[in-house]
Amino acid sequence: AVLTKPFKPEDLLRVVRTVLDSQD
């Protein structure tokens, strides 16, 4: 995934959670 700066906290947490969950 690519996270574009500047980002909001919810954007950061959403991308992190999405990538982690996709590994299950």
mmCIF file of all heavy atoms, coordinates in Angstrom:
data_MODEL
# 
_entry.id   MODEL 
# 
loop_
_atom_site.group_PDB 
_atom_site.id 
_atom_site.type_symbol 
_atom_site.label_atom_id 
_atom_site.label_alt_id 
_atom_site.label_comp_id 
_atom_site.label_asym_id 
_atom_site.label_entity_id 
_atom_site.label_seq_id 
_atom_site.pdbx_PDB_ins_code 
_atom_site.Cartn_x 
_atom_site.Cartn_y 
_atom_site.Cartn_z 
_atom_site.occupancy 
_atom_site.B_iso_or_equiv 
_atom_site.pdbx_formal_charge 
_atom_site.auth_seq_id 
_atom_site.auth_comp_id 
_atom_site.auth_asym_id 
_atom_site.auth_atom_id 
_atom_site.pdbx_PDB_model_num 
ATOM 1   N N   . ALA A 1 1  ? 0.848  -1.198  0.000  1.00 0.00 ? 1  ALA A N   1 
ATOM 2   C CA  . ALA A 1 1  ? 0.000  0.000   0.000  1.00 0.00 ? 1  ALA A CA  1 
ATOM 3   C C   . ALA A 1 1  ? 0.879  1.242   0.000  1.00 0.00 ? 1  ALA A C   1 
ATOM 4   O O   . ALA A 1 1  ? 2.047  1.202   0.405  1.00 0.00 ? 1  ALA A O   1 
ATOM 5   C CB  . ALA A 1 1  ? -0.922 0.006   1.224  1.00 0.00 ? 1  ALA A CB  1 
ATOM 6   N N   . VAL A 1 2  ? 0.301  2.347   -0.499 1.00 0.00 ? 2  VAL A N   1 
ATOM 7   C CA  . VAL A 1 2  ? 0.986  3.642   -0.497 1.00 0.00 ? 2  VAL A CA  1 
ATOM 8   C C   . VAL A 1 2  ? 0.144  4.620   0.310  1.00 0.00 ? 2  VAL A C   1 
ATOM 9   O O   . VAL A 1 2  ? -1.066 4.746   0.071  1.00 0.00 ? 2  VAL A O   1 
ATOM 10  C CB  . VAL A 1 2  ? 1.196  4.175   -1.930 1.00 0.00 ? 2  VAL A CB  1 
ATOM 11  C CG1 . VAL A 1 2  ? 1.781  5.575   -1.892 1.00 0.00 ? 2  VAL A CG1 1 
ATOM 12  C CG2 . VAL A 1 2  ? 2.091  3.243   -2.722 1.00 0.00 ? 2  VAL A CG2 1 
ATOM 13  N N   . LEU A 1 3  ? 0.767  5.297   1.250  1.00 0.00 ? 3  LEU A N   1 
ATOM 14  C CA  . LEU A 1 3  ? 0.096  6.297   2.085  1.00 0.00 ? 3  LEU A CA  1 
ATOM 15  C C   . LEU A 1 3  ? 0.677  7.661   1.742  1.00 0.00 ? 3  LEU A C   1 
ATOM 16  O O   . LEU A 1 3  ? 1.871  7.912   1.936  1.00 0.00 ? 3  LEU A O   1 
ATOM 17  C CB  . LEU A 1 3  ? 0.310  5.978   3.571  1.00 0.00 ? 3  LEU A CB  1 
ATOM 18  C CG  . LEU A 1 3  ? -0.340 6.931   4.572  1.00 0.00 ? 3  LEU A CG  1 
ATOM 19  C CD1 . LEU A 1 3  ? -1.858 6.938   4.418  1.00 0.00 ? 3  LEU A CD1 1 
ATOM 20  C CD2 . LEU A 1 3  ? 0.045  6.556   6.001  1.00 0.00 ? 3  LEU A CD2 1 
ATOM 21  N N   . THR A 1 4  ? -0.176 8.525   1.187  1.00 0.00 ? 4  THR A N   1 
ATOM 22  C CA  . THR A 1 4  ? 0.291  9.826   0.717  1.00 0.00 ? 4  THR A CA  1 
ATOM 23  C C   . THR A 1 4  ? 0.328  10.837  1.856  1.00 0.00 ? 4  THR A C   1 
ATOM 24  O O   . THR A 1 4  ? -0.630 10.968  2.621  1.00 0.00 ? 4  THR A O   1 
ATOM 25  C CB  . THR A 1 4  ? -0.628 10.339  -0.398 1.00 0.00 ? 4  THR A CB  1 
ATOM 26  O OG1 . THR A 1 4  ? -0.685 9.365   -1.441 1.00 0.00 ? 4  THR A OG1 1 
ATOM 27  C CG2 . THR A 1 4  ? -0.104 11.642  -0.984 1.00 0.00 ? 4  THR A CG2 1 
ATOM 28  N N   . LYS A 1 5  ? 1.431  11.551  1.981  1.00 0.00 ? 5  LYS A N   1 
ATOM 29  C CA  . LYS A 1 5  ? 1.556  12.639  2.950  1.00 0.00 ? 5  LYS A CA  1 
ATOM 30  C C   . LYS A 1 5  ? 1.009  13.918  2.332  1.00 0.00 ? 5  LYS A C   1 
ATOM 31  O O   . LYS A 1 5  ? 1.158  14.129  1.129  1.00 0.00 ? 5  LYS A O   1 
ATOM 32  C CB  . LYS A 1 5  ? 3.019  12.853  3.337  1.00 0.00 ? 5  LYS A CB  1 
ATOM 33  C CG  . LYS A 1 5  ? 3.690  11.686  4.029  1.00 0.00 ? 5  LYS A CG  1 
ATOM 34  C CD  . LYS A 1 5  ? 5.163  12.024  4.265  1.00 0.00 ? 5  LYS A CD  1 
ATOM 35  C CE  . LYS A 1 5  ? 5.933  10.901  4.902  1.00 0.00 ? 5  LYS A CE  1 
ATOM 36  N NZ  . LYS A 1 5  ? 7.354  11.219  5.041  1.00 0.00 ? 5  LYS A NZ  1 
ATOM 37  N N   . PRO A 1 6  ? 0.476  14.817  3.145  1.00 0.00 ? 6  PRO A N   1 
ATOM 38  C CA  . PRO A 1 6  ? 0.180  14.628  4.572  1.00 0.00 ? 6  PRO A CA  1 
ATOM 39  C C   . PRO A 1 6  ? -1.042 13.729  4.747  1.00 0.00 ? 6  PRO A C   1 
ATOM 40  O O   . PRO A 1 6  ? -1.919 13.699  3.896  1.00 0.00 ? 6  PRO A O   1 
ATOM 41  C CB  . PRO A 1 6  ? -0.098 16.044  5.053  1.00 0.00 ? 6  PRO A CB  1 
ATOM 42  C CG  . PRO A 1 6  ? -0.616 16.754  3.840  1.00 0.00 ? 6  PRO A CG  1 
ATOM 43  C CD  . PRO A 1 6  ? 0.108  16.165  2.674  1.00 0.00 ? 6  PRO A CD  1 
ATOM 44  N N   . PHE A 1 7  ? -1.093 13.008  5.871  1.00 0.00 ? 7  PHE A N   1 
ATOM 45  C CA  . PHE A 1 7  ? -2.213 12.110  6.122  1.00 0.00 ? 7  PHE A CA  1 
ATOM 46  C C   . PHE A 1 7  ? -2.817 12.408  7.492  1.00 0.00 ? 7  PHE A C   1 
ATOM 47  O O   . PHE A 1 7  ? -2.153 12.940  8.388  1.00 0.00 ? 7  PHE A O   1 
ATOM 48  C CB  . PHE A 1 7  ? -1.774 10.648  6.048  1.00 0.00 ? 7  PHE A CB  1 
ATOM 49  C CG  . PHE A 1 7  ? -0.539 10.329  6.857  1.00 0.00 ? 7  PHE A CG  1 
ATOM 50  C CD1 . PHE A 1 7  ? -0.594 10.183  8.236  1.00 0.00 ? 7  PHE A CD1 1 
ATOM 51  C CD2 . PHE A 1 7  ? 0.687  10.175  6.221  1.00 0.00 ? 7  PHE A CD2 1 
ATOM 52  C CE1 . PHE A 1 7  ? 0.526  9.890   8.971  1.00 0.00 ? 7  PHE A CE1 1 
ATOM 53  C CE2 . PHE A 1 7  ? 1.825  9.891   6.964  1.00 0.00 ? 7  PHE A CE2 1 
ATOM 54  C CZ  . PHE A 1 7  ? 1.745  9.746   8.344  1.00 0.00 ? 7  PHE A CZ  1 
ATOM 55  N N   . LYS A 1 8  ? -4.076 12.051  7.613  1.00 0.00 ? 8  LYS A N   1 
ATOM 56  C CA  . LYS A 1 8  ? -4.758 12.183  8.893  1.00 0.00 ? 8  LYS A CA  1 
ATOM 57  C C   . LYS A 1 8  ? -4.506 10.928  9.733  1.00 0.00 ? 8  LYS A C   1 
ATOM 58  O O   . LYS A 1 8  ? -4.215 9.858   9.180  1.00 0.00 ? 8  LYS A O   1 
ATOM 59  C CB  . LYS A 1 8  ? -6.263 12.353  8.666  1.00 0.00 ? 8  LYS A CB  1 
ATOM 60  C CG  . LYS A 1 8  ? -6.635 13.552  7.816  1.00 0.00 ? 8  LYS A CG  1 
ATOM 61  C CD  . LYS A 1 8  ? -8.127 13.548  7.514  1.00 0.00 ? 8  LYS A CD  1 
ATOM 62  C CE  . LYS A 1 8  ? -8.502 14.676  6.563  1.00 0.00 ? 8  LYS A CE  1 
ATOM 63  N NZ  . LYS A 1 8  ? -9.941 14.645  6.205  1.00 0.00 ? 8  LYS A NZ  1 
ATOM 64  N N   . PRO A 1 9  ? -4.631 11.018  11.051 1.00 0.00 ? 9  PRO A N   1 
ATOM 65  C CA  . PRO A 1 9  ? -4.433 9.824   11.882 1.00 0.00 ? 9  PRO A CA  1 
ATOM 66  C C   . PRO A 1 9  ? -5.321 8.668   11.454 1.00 0.00 ? 9  PRO A C   1 
ATOM 67  O O   . PRO A 1 9  ? -4.869 7.522   11.403 1.00 0.00 ? 9  PRO A O   1 
ATOM 68  C CB  . PRO A 1 9  ? -4.789 10.326  13.287 1.00 0.00 ? 9  PRO A CB  1 
ATOM 69  C CG  . PRO A 1 9  ? -4.471 11.781  13.268 1.00 0.00 ? 9  PRO A CG  1 
ATOM 70  C CD  . PRO A 1 9  ? -4.809 12.230  11.891 1.00 0.00 ? 9  PRO A CD  1 
ATOM 71  N N   . GLU A 1 10 ? -6.603 8.961   11.118 1.00 0.00 ? 10 GLU A N   1 
ATOM 72  C CA  . GLU A 1 10 ? -7.484 7.868   10.721 1.00 0.00 ? 10 GLU A CA  1 
ATOM 73  C C   . GLU A 1 10 ? -7.050 7.229   9.411  1.00 0.00 ? 10 GLU A C   1 
ATOM 74  O O   . GLU A 1 10 ? -7.253 6.033   9.188  1.00 0.00 ? 10 GLU A O   1 
ATOM 75  C CB  . GLU A 1 10 ? -8.938 8.343   10.617 1.00 0.00 ? 10 GLU A CB  1 
ATOM 76  C CG  . GLU A 1 10 ? -9.168 9.520   9.694  1.00 0.00 ? 10 GLU A CG  1 
ATOM 77  C CD  . GLU A 1 10 ? -9.153 10.850  10.429 1.00 0.00 ? 10 GLU A CD  1 
ATOM 78  O OE1 . GLU A 1 10 ? -8.375 10.984  11.406 1.00 0.00 ? 10 GLU A OE1 1 
ATOM 79  O OE2 . GLU A 1 10 ? -9.902 11.747  10.025 1.00 0.00 ? 10 GLU A OE2 1 
ATOM 80  N N   . ASP A 1 11 ? -6.427 8.041   8.503  1.00 0.00 ? 11 ASP A N   1 
ATOM 81  C CA  . ASP A 1 11 ? -5.920 7.462   7.259  1.00 0.00 ? 11 ASP A CA  1 
ATOM 82  C C   . ASP A 1 11 ? -4.773 6.497   7.532  1.00 0.00 ? 11 ASP A C   1 
ATOM 83  O O   . ASP A 1 11 ? -4.710 5.402   6.954  1.00 0.00 ? 11 ASP A O   1 
ATOM 84  C CB  . ASP A 1 11 ? -5.446 8.570   6.318  1.00 0.00 ? 11 ASP A CB  1 
ATOM 85  C CG  . ASP A 1 11 ? -6.581 9.440   5.826  1.00 0.00 ? 11 ASP A CG  1 
ATOM 86  O OD1 . ASP A 1 11 ? -7.725 8.948   5.782  1.00 0.00 ? 11 ASP A OD1 1 
ATOM 87  O OD2 . ASP A 1 11 ? -6.339 10.625  5.505  1.00 0.00 ? 11 ASP A OD2 1 
ATOM 88  N N   . LEU A 1 12 ? -3.858 6.904   8.403  1.00 0.00 ? 12 LEU A N   1 
ATOM 89  C CA  . LEU A 1 12 ? -2.736 6.045   8.768  1.00 0.00 ? 12 LEU A CA  1 
ATOM 90  C C   . LEU A 1 12 ? -3.230 4.747   9.389  1.00 0.00 ? 12 LEU A C   1 
ATOM 91  O O   . LEU A 1 12 ? -2.823 3.650   8.986  1.00 0.00 ? 12 LEU A O   1 
ATOM 92  C CB  . LEU A 1 12 ? -1.807 6.786   9.730  1.00 0.00 ? 12 LEU A CB  1 
ATOM 93  C CG  . LEU A 1 12 ? -0.703 5.941   10.398 1.00 0.00 ? 12 LEU A CG  1 
ATOM 94  C CD1 . LEU A 1 12 ? 0.225  5.328   9.350  1.00 0.00 ? 12 LEU A CD1 1 
ATOM 95  C CD2 . LEU A 1 12 ? 0.087  6.785   11.398 1.00 0.00 ? 12 LEU A CD2 1 
ATOM 96  N N   . LEU A 1 13 ? -4.116 4.850   10.370 1.00 0.00 ? 13 LEU A N   1 
ATOM 97  C CA  . LEU A 1 13 ? -4.594 3.657   11.069 1.00 0.00 ? 13 LEU A CA  1 
ATOM 98  C C   . LEU A 1 13 ? -5.421 2.760   10.147 1.00 0.00 ? 13 LEU A C   1 
ATOM 99  O O   . LEU A 1 13 ? -5.351 1.529   10.241 1.00 0.00 ? 13 LEU A O   1 
ATOM 100 C CB  . LEU A 1 13 ? -5.426 4.069   12.283 1.00 0.00 ? 13 LEU A CB  1 
ATOM 101 C CG  . LEU A 1 13 ? -4.646 4.826   13.374 1.00 0.00 ? 13 LEU A CG  1 
ATOM 102 C CD1 . LEU A 1 13 ? -5.581 5.270   14.483 1.00 0.00 ? 13 LEU A CD1 1 
ATOM 103 C CD2 . LEU A 1 13 ? -3.535 3.961   13.941 1.00 0.00 ? 13 LEU A CD2 1 
ATOM 104 N N   . ARG A 1 14 ? -6.191 3.365   9.242  1.00 0.00 ? 14 ARG A N   1 
ATOM 105 C CA  . ARG A 1 14 ? -7.000 2.563   8.327  1.00 0.00 ? 14 ARG A CA  1 
ATOM 106 C C   . ARG A 1 14 ? -6.117 1.737   7.401  1.00 0.00 ? 14 ARG A C   1 
ATOM 107 O O   . ARG A 1 14 ? -6.352 0.541   7.195  1.00 0.00 ? 14 ARG A O   1 
ATOM 108 C CB  . ARG A 1 14 ? -7.921 3.465   7.499  1.00 0.00 ? 14 ARG A CB  1 
ATOM 109 C CG  . ARG A 1 14 ? -8.688 2.730   6.417  1.00 0.00 ? 14 ARG A CG  1 
ATOM 110 C CD  . ARG A 1 14 ? -9.590 3.673   5.635  1.00 0.00 ? 14 ARG A CD  1 
ATOM 111 N NE  . ARG A 1 14 ? -8.882 4.832   5.134  1.00 0.00 ? 14 ARG A NE  1 
ATOM 112 C CZ  . ARG A 1 14 ? -8.110 4.820   4.037  1.00 0.00 ? 14 ARG A CZ  1 
ATOM 113 N NH1 . ARG A 1 14 ? -7.953 3.711   3.359  1.00 0.00 ? 14 ARG A NH1 1 
ATOM 114 N NH2 . ARG A 1 14 ? -7.507 5.920   3.644  1.00 0.00 ? 14 ARG A NH2 1 
ATOM 115 N N   . VAL A 1 15 ? -5.081 2.374   6.806  1.00 0.00 ? 15 VAL A N   1 
ATOM 116 C CA  . VAL A 1 15 ? -4.200 1.657   5.892  1.00 0.00 ? 15 VAL A CA  1 
ATOM 117 C C   . VAL A 1 15 ? -3.437 0.556   6.620  1.00 0.00 ? 15 VAL A C   1 
ATOM 118 O O   . VAL A 1 15 ? -3.301 -0.569  6.125  1.00 0.00 ? 15 VAL A O   1 
ATOM 119 C CB  . VAL A 1 15 ? -3.223 2.643   5.204  1.00 0.00 ? 15 VAL A CB  1 
ATOM 120 C CG1 . VAL A 1 15 ? -2.198 1.884   4.373  1.00 0.00 ? 15 VAL A CG1 1 
ATOM 121 C CG2 . VAL A 1 15 ? -3.980 3.621   4.318  1.00 0.00 ? 15 VAL A CG2 1 
ATOM 122 N N   . VAL A 1 16 ? -2.945 0.856   7.818  1.00 0.00 ? 16 VAL A N   1 
ATOM 123 C CA  . VAL A 1 16 ? -2.215 -0.144  8.607  1.00 0.00 ? 16 VAL A CA  1 
ATOM 124 C C   . VAL A 1 16 ? -3.108 -1.351  8.900  1.00 0.00 ? 16 VAL A C   1 
ATOM 125 O O   . VAL A 1 16 ? -2.724 -2.513  8.704  1.00 0.00 ? 16 VAL A O   1 
ATOM 126 C CB  . VAL A 1 16 ? -1.695 0.476   9.917  1.00 0.00 ? 16 VAL A CB  1 
ATOM 127 C CG1 . VAL A 1 16 ? -1.231 -0.616  10.889 1.00 0.00 ? 16 VAL A CG1 1 
ATOM 128 C CG2 . VAL A 1 16 ? -0.554 1.440   9.626  1.00 0.00 ? 16 VAL A CG2 1 
ATOM 129 N N   . ARG A 1 17 ? -4.328 -1.066  9.368  1.00 0.00 ? 17 ARG A N   1 
ATOM 130 C CA  . ARG A 1 17 ? -5.227 -2.158  9.714  1.00 0.00 ? 17 ARG A CA  1 
ATOM 131 C C   . ARG A 1 17 ? -5.627 -2.988  8.476  1.00 0.00 ? 17 ARG A C   1 
ATOM 132 O O   . ARG A 1 17 ? -5.707 -4.211  8.518  1.00 0.00 ? 17 ARG A O   1 
ATOM 133 C CB  . ARG A 1 17 ? -6.491 -1.585  10.380 1.00 0.00 ? 17 ARG A CB  1 
ATOM 134 C CG  . ARG A 1 17 ? -7.441 -2.589  11.011 1.00 0.00 ? 17 ARG A CG  1 
ATOM 135 C CD  . ARG A 1 17 ? -6.810 -3.253  12.235 1.00 0.00 ? 17 ARG A CD  1 
ATOM 136 N NE  . ARG A 1 17 ? -6.241 -4.544  11.928 1.00 0.00 ? 17 ARG A NE  1 
ATOM 137 C CZ  . ARG A 1 17 ? -5.332 -5.145  12.714 1.00 0.00 ? 17 ARG A CZ  1 
ATOM 138 N NH1 . ARG A 1 17 ? -4.886 -4.561  13.815 1.00 0.00 ? 17 ARG A NH1 1 
ATOM 139 N NH2 . ARG A 1 17 ? -4.850 -6.313  12.386 1.00 0.00 ? 17 ARG A NH2 1 
ATOM 140 N N   . THR A 1 18 ? -5.835 -2.279  7.339  1.00 0.00 ? 18 THR A N   1 
ATOM 141 C CA  . THR A 1 18 ? -6.224 -2.967  6.111  1.00 0.00 ? 18 THR A CA  1 
ATOM 142 C C   . THR A 1 18 ? -5.134 -3.915  5.635  1.00 0.00 ? 18 THR A C   1 
ATOM 143 O O   . THR A 1 18 ? -5.399 -5.060  5.251  1.00 0.00 ? 18 THR A O   1 
ATOM 144 C CB  . THR A 1 18 ? -6.549 -1.943  5.010  1.00 0.00 ? 18 THR A CB  1 
ATOM 145 O OG1 . THR A 1 18 ? -7.622 -1.100  5.445  1.00 0.00 ? 18 THR A OG1 1 
ATOM 146 C CG2 . THR A 1 18 ? -6.955 -2.633  3.715  1.00 0.00 ? 18 THR A CG2 1 
ATOM 147 N N   . VAL A 1 19 ? -3.873 -3.440  5.646  1.00 0.00 ? 19 VAL A N   1 
ATOM 148 C CA  . VAL A 1 19 ? -2.758 -4.288  5.194  1.00 0.00 ? 19 VAL A CA  1 
ATOM 149 C C   . VAL A 1 19 ? -2.567 -5.477  6.133  1.00 0.00 ? 19 VAL A C   1 
ATOM 150 O O   . VAL A 1 19 ? -2.373 -6.619  5.691  1.00 0.00 ? 19 VAL A O   1 
ATOM 151 C CB  . VAL A 1 19 ? -1.467 -3.454  5.082  1.00 0.00 ? 19 VAL A CB  1 
ATOM 152 C CG1 . VAL A 1 19 ? -0.265 -4.370  4.828  1.00 0.00 ? 19 VAL A CG1 1 
ATOM 153 C CG2 . VAL A 1 19 ? -1.591 -2.423  3.970  1.00 0.00 ? 19 VAL A CG2 1 
ATOM 154 N N   . LEU A 1 20 ? -2.659 -5.238  7.447  1.00 0.00 ? 20 LEU A N   1 
ATOM 155 C CA  . LEU A 1 20 ? -2.486 -6.342  8.402  1.00 0.00 ? 20 LEU A CA  1 
ATOM 156 C C   . LEU A 1 20 ? -3.597 -7.378  8.242  1.00 0.00 ? 20 LEU A C   1 
ATOM 157 O O   . LEU A 1 20 ? -3.345 -8.584  8.249  1.00 0.00 ? 20 LEU A O   1 
ATOM 158 C CB  . LEU A 1 20 ? -2.456 -5.786  9.827  1.00 0.00 ? 20 LEU A CB  1 
ATOM 159 C CG  . LEU A 1 20 ? -1.159 -5.066  10.231 1.00 0.00 ? 20 LEU A CG  1 
ATOM 160 C CD1 . LEU A 1 20 ? -1.344 -4.363  11.570 1.00 0.00 ? 20 LEU A CD1 1 
ATOM 161 C CD2 . LEU A 1 20 ? 0.012  -6.043  10.297 1.00 0.00 ? 20 LEU A CD2 1 
ATOM 162 N N   . ASP A 1 21 ? -4.833 -6.906  8.096  1.00 0.00 ? 21 ASP A N   1 
ATOM 163 C CA  . ASP A 1 21 ? -5.949 -7.842  7.985  1.00 0.00 ? 21 ASP A CA  1 
ATOM 164 C C   . ASP A 1 21 ? -5.897 -8.641  6.683  1.00 0.00 ? 21 ASP A C   1 
ATOM 165 O O   . ASP A 1 21 ? -6.398 -9.770  6.616  1.00 0.00 ? 21 ASP A O   1 
ATOM 166 C CB  . ASP A 1 21 ? -7.281 -7.087  8.058  1.00 0.00 ? 21 ASP A CB  1 
ATOM 167 C CG  . ASP A 1 21 ? -7.541 -6.551  9.469  1.00 0.00 ? 21 ASP A CG  1 
ATOM 168 O OD1 . ASP A 1 21 ? -6.875 -7.026  10.408 1.00 0.00 ? 21 ASP A OD1 1 
ATOM 169 O OD2 . ASP A 1 21 ? -8.402 -5.654  9.613  1.00 0.00 ? 21 ASP A OD2 1 
ATOM 170 N N   . SER A 1 22 ? -5.304 -8.049  5.633  1.00 0.00 ? 22 SER A N   1 
ATOM 171 C CA  . SER A 1 22 ? -5.247 -8.753  4.347  1.00 0.00 ? 22 SER A CA  1 
ATOM 172 C C   . SER A 1 22 ? -4.272 -9.915  4.372  1.00 0.00 ? 22 SER A C   1 
ATOM 173 O O   . SER A 1 22 ? -4.277 -10.752 3.465  1.00 0.00 ? 22 SER A O   1 
ATOM 174 C CB  . SER A 1 22 ? -4.833 -7.770  3.241  1.00 0.00 ? 22 SER A CB  1 
ATOM 175 O OG  . SER A 1 22 ? -3.495 -7.334  3.426  1.00 0.00 ? 22 SER A OG  1 
ATOM 176 N N   . GLN A 1 23 ? -3.435 -9.991  5.433  1.00 0.00 ? 23 GLN A N   1 
ATOM 177 C CA  . GLN A 1 23 ? -2.469 -11.088 5.535  1.00 0.00 ? 23 GLN A CA  1 
ATOM 178 C C   . GLN A 1 23 ? -3.069 -12.329 6.175  1.00 0.00 ? 23 GLN A C   1 
ATOM 179 O O   . GLN A 1 23 ? -2.454 -13.387 6.174  1.00 0.00 ? 23 GLN A O   1 
ATOM 180 C CB  . GLN A 1 23 ? -1.240 -10.634 6.351  1.00 0.00 ? 23 GLN A CB  1 
ATOM 181 C CG  . GLN A 1 23 ? -0.603 -9.348  5.869  1.00 0.00 ? 23 GLN A CG  1 
ATOM 182 C CD  . GLN A 1 23 ? -0.160 -9.405  4.427  1.00 0.00 ? 23 GLN A CD  1 
ATOM 183 O OE1 . GLN A 1 23 ? 0.489  -10.359 4.008  1.00 0.00 ? 23 GLN A OE1 1 
ATOM 184 N NE2 . GLN A 1 23 ? -0.527 -8.379  3.658  1.00 0.00 ? 23 GLN A NE2 1 
ATOM 185 N N   . ASP A 1 24 ? -4.244 -12.171 6.752  1.00 0.00 ? 24 ASP A N   1 
ATOM 186 C CA  . ASP A 1 24 ? -4.849 -13.323 7.457  1.00 0.00 ? 24 ASP A CA  1 
ATOM 187 C C   . ASP A 1 24 ? -5.341 -14.378 6.477  1.00 0.00 ? 24 ASP A C   1 
ATOM 188 O O   . ASP A 1 24 ? -5.739 -14.078 5.368  1.00 0.00 ? 24 ASP A O   1 
ATOM 189 C CB  . ASP A 1 24 ? -6.011 -12.836 8.326  1.00 0.00 ? 24 ASP A CB  1 
ATOM 190 C CG  . ASP A 1 24 ? -5.510 -11.885 9.418  1.00 0.00 ? 24 ASP A CG  1 
ATOM 191 O OD1 . ASP A 1 24 ? -4.307 -11.958 9.731  1.00 0.00 ? 24 ASP A OD1 1 
ATOM 192 O OD2 . ASP A 1 24 ? -6.320 -11.073 9.916  1.00 0.00 ? 24 ASP A OD2 1 
# 
